[in-house]
Protein backbone atom coordinates (compact mmCIF):
# COMPACT_ATOMS: atom_id res chain seq x y z
CA MET A 1 -2.56 -90.88 27.01
CA ASN A 2 -0.34 -91.15 24.02
CA LYS A 3 -0.01 -94.95 24.54
CA ILE A 4 -3.79 -95.32 24.41
CA VAL A 5 -4.07 -93.35 21.20
CA ASN A 6 -1.26 -95.38 19.59
CA TYR A 7 -2.91 -98.62 20.75
CA CYS A 8 -6.25 -97.57 19.20
CA LYS A 9 -4.59 -96.62 15.99
CA ALA A 10 -2.74 -99.97 15.84
CA CYS A 11 -5.99 -101.82 16.48
CA TYR A 12 -7.77 -99.95 13.74
CA ASP A 13 -4.92 -100.51 11.30
CA GLU A 14 -4.92 -104.25 12.01
CA LEU A 15 -8.69 -104.56 11.61
CA ALA A 16 -8.92 -102.39 8.52
CA HIS A 17 -5.82 -103.52 6.62
CA LYS A 18 -4.31 -106.67 7.96
CA THR A 19 -7.34 -108.83 8.79
CA THR A 20 -8.78 -111.14 6.12
CA TRP A 21 -12.56 -111.50 6.48
CA PRO A 22 -14.35 -114.65 5.30
CA SER A 23 -16.40 -114.56 2.14
CA TYR A 24 -20.19 -115.03 2.24
CA LYS A 25 -19.78 -118.63 1.00
CA GLN A 26 -17.23 -119.47 3.70
CA LEU A 27 -19.39 -117.85 6.37
CA THR A 28 -22.51 -119.78 5.39
CA HIS A 29 -20.59 -123.01 5.18
CA SER A 30 -19.21 -122.41 8.71
CA ALA A 31 -22.66 -121.61 9.99
CA VAL A 32 -24.10 -124.85 8.50
CA VAL A 33 -21.28 -126.86 10.11
CA VAL A 34 -21.91 -125.24 13.49
CA LEU A 35 -25.70 -125.77 13.24
CA SER A 36 -25.25 -129.43 12.19
CA ALA A 37 -22.82 -130.12 15.01
CA SER A 38 -25.19 -128.49 17.53
CA LEU A 39 -28.08 -130.61 16.27
CA VAL A 40 -26.04 -133.85 16.53
CA ILE A 41 -24.87 -133.00 20.06
CA ALA A 42 -28.45 -132.10 21.09
CA LEU A 43 -29.75 -135.43 19.76
CA ILE A 44 -26.99 -137.33 21.58
CA VAL A 45 -27.81 -135.55 24.85
CA PHE A 46 -31.54 -136.26 24.32
CA ALA A 47 -30.81 -139.97 23.75
CA MET A 48 -28.65 -140.18 26.80
CA ASP A 49 -31.32 -138.44 28.89
CA THR A 50 -34.04 -140.77 27.64
CA VAL A 51 -31.92 -143.86 28.37
CA PHE A 52 -31.03 -142.57 31.81
CA GLN A 53 -34.66 -141.80 32.58
CA PHE A 54 -35.70 -145.33 31.47
CA VAL A 55 -32.99 -146.90 33.70
CA MET A 56 -33.92 -144.77 36.71
CA THR A 57 -37.65 -145.53 36.35
CA THR A 58 -36.83 -149.22 36.05
CA VAL A 59 -34.63 -149.22 39.09
CA TYR A 60 -36.82 -146.92 41.17
CA PRO A 61 -40.43 -147.45 40.10
CA ASN A 62 -43.14 -145.07 41.34
């Protein structure tokens, strides 16, 4: 039981005193980068899906 208590104390100490948290500006910048990358990847997947659908309907018409 003593090991668990020491582990919890060490975790708290690291989170409270040793961890550096990002500033609001850094956090918003990272969020914009992630949202932009997600949008680009979604557009690429959409374009690939559209091309694949066109090829498949050309090869196998209804």
